[in-house]
Protein backbone atom coordinates (compact mmCIF):
# COMPACT_ATOMS: atom_id res chain seq x y z
CA UNK A 1 -3.26 -36.62 25.48
CA UNK A 2 -0.94 -38.22 23.40
CA UNK A 3 1.93 -35.65 20.65
CA UNK A 4 2.71 -37.59 17.81
CA UNK A 5 5.60 -35.96 15.62
CA UNK A 6 4.97 -36.35 12.00
CA UNK A 7 6.55 -35.95 8.74
CA UNK A 8 5.43 -35.37 5.16
CA UNK A 9 7.17 -34.22 2.43
CA UNK A 10 5.50 -31.42 0.82
CA UNK A 11 6.17 -30.84 -3.94
CA UNK A 12 6.60 -27.39 -4.86
CA UNK A 13 6.05 -27.57 -8.75
CA UNK A 14 9.15 -25.50 -10.39
CA UNK A 15 7.98 -23.16 -11.33
CA UNK A 16 8.00 -22.39 -7.99
CA UNK A 17 9.92 -21.03 -5.34
CA UNK A 18 9.41 -21.02 -1.53
CA UNK A 19 11.03 -17.44 -0.04
CA UNK A 20 11.51 -16.46 4.02
CA UNK A 21 8.54 -13.77 4.50
CA UNK A 22 11.24 -11.16 5.08
CA UNK A 23 12.39 -11.69 1.82
CA UNK A 24 9.51 -11.84 -0.06
CA UNK A 25 9.45 -8.26 1.62
CA UNK A 26 13.15 -6.65 0.85
CA UNK A 27 11.87 -7.74 -2.74
CA UNK A 28 8.15 -6.38 -2.33
CA UNK A 29 9.94 -2.87 -1.59
CA UNK A 30 12.43 -3.01 -3.65
CA UNK A 31 10.37 -2.48 -6.22
CA UNK A 32 8.65 0.24 -5.42
CA UNK A 33 11.96 2.23 -5.13
CA UNK A 34 11.95 5.27 -7.47
CA UNK A 35 9.07 4.54 -8.55
CA UNK A 36 6.10 7.32 -8.26
CA UNK A 37 2.32 6.32 -8.70
CA UNK A 38 -0.29 7.61 -10.05
CA UNK A 39 -3.27 8.18 -8.35
CA UNK A 40 -4.92 5.04 -10.71
CA UNK A 41 -1.70 3.26 -9.17
CA UNK A 42 -2.69 3.87 -6.05
CA UNK A 43 -6.31 2.11 -6.97
CA UNK A 44 -4.70 -0.45 -8.50
CA UNK A 45 -2.85 -0.92 -4.33
CA UNK A 46 -5.30 -0.63 -2.86
CA UNK A 47 -8.17 -2.93 -4.71
CA UNK A 48 -9.54 -0.66 -7.35
CA UNK A 49 -11.08 1.56 -4.57
CA UNK A 50 -12.77 4.61 -6.63
CA UNK A 51 -10.65 7.48 -6.75
CA UNK A 52 -13.09 9.38 -5.18
CA UNK A 53 -13.41 6.84 -2.73
CA UNK A 54 -9.63 7.03 -1.79
CA UNK A 55 -9.94 10.65 -2.18
CA UNK A 56 -12.81 10.76 0.84
CA UNK A 57 -11.75 7.76 2.98
CA UNK A 58 -8.54 8.33 3.73
CA UNK A 59 -6.67 11.45 1.51
CA UNK A 60 -9.46 14.46 3.33
CA UNK A 61 -9.65 12.06 6.03
CA UNK A 62 -9.14 14.60 8.78
CA UNK A 63 -7.15 12.78 11.30
CA UNK A 64 -4.75 12.11 8.23
CA UNK A 65 -4.64 15.21 7.57
CA UNK A 66 -1.78 16.51 9.20
CA UNK A 67 0.75 13.68 8.29
CA UNK A 68 0.13 13.66 4.38
CA UNK A 69 0.76 17.69 4.68
CA UNK A 70 4.27 16.56 6.33
CA UNK A 71 3.59 13.85 2.97
CA UNK A 72 3.17 16.86 0.46
CA UNK A 73 6.32 18.99 2.35
CA UNK A 74 8.96 16.06 1.87
CA UNK A 75 7.60 15.92 -1.87
CA UNK A 76 6.27 12.48 -1.29
CA UNK A 77 2.83 13.33 -2.20
CA UNK A 78 1.92 15.95 -4.38
CA UNK A 79 -2.61 17.31 -4.27
CA UNK A 80 -3.65 18.87 -7.63
CA UNK A 81 -3.92 22.11 -7.04
CA UNK A 82 -5.08 23.70 -10.89
CA UNK A 83 -7.69 21.45 -12.87
CA UNK A 84 -5.45 19.22 -14.81
CA UNK A 85 -2.63 19.34 -12.31
CA UNK A 86 -2.91 15.64 -10.90
CA UNK A 87 -2.37 13.32 -7.82
CA UNK A 88 1.22 11.45 -7.41
CA UNK A 89 2.62 9.57 -4.42
CA UNK A 90 6.18 8.89 -3.86
CA UNK A 91 5.82 4.63 -4.04
CA UNK A 92 7.32 3.34 -1.42
CA UNK A 93 6.81 6.17 1.90
CA UNK A 94 2.58 6.14 0.35
CA UNK A 95 2.72 1.99 0.83
CA UNK A 96 4.53 2.10 3.89
CA UNK A 97 2.16 4.35 5.19
CA UNK A 98 -1.24 2.70 4.44
CA UNK A 99 0.95 -0.59 6.09
CA UNK A 100 1.24 1.21 9.34
CA UNK A 101 -2.47 3.06 9.15
CA UNK A 102 -4.31 -0.19 7.54
CA UNK A 103 -6.70 -0.43 10.65
CA UNK A 104 -7.03 2.79 10.71
CA UNK A 105 -8.83 3.57 7.43
CA UNK A 106 -12.29 2.10 7.15
CA UNK A 107 -12.23 -0.06 4.33
CA UNK A 108 -15.63 -0.91 4.62
CA UNK A 109 -17.03 3.13 3.96
CA UNK A 110 -19.23 3.76 1.25
CA UNK A 111 -19.32 7.21 -1.01
């Protein structure tokens, strides 16, 4: 078998920038610093999954209970307590949790 080294010029349009993956991830993480997500923000982050789907398949899943209770104690997450109260999530903490636990979530689950 023969091996060839080929060089191909690629033109990057003026409106685009080529960035190293680590730098891109760092910039994305900085976008979340100091932000608090609402349930709607979380829905957008998860590709428009419904609030009911998120509650059923993530927030109320027994396998995640202890982790979420710790987040609540650390004020990284708030579960509604009384009527009119709302969910909120510390964006950097919760987005990292989603990334770290992506394979534990059943993304194909139906309501």
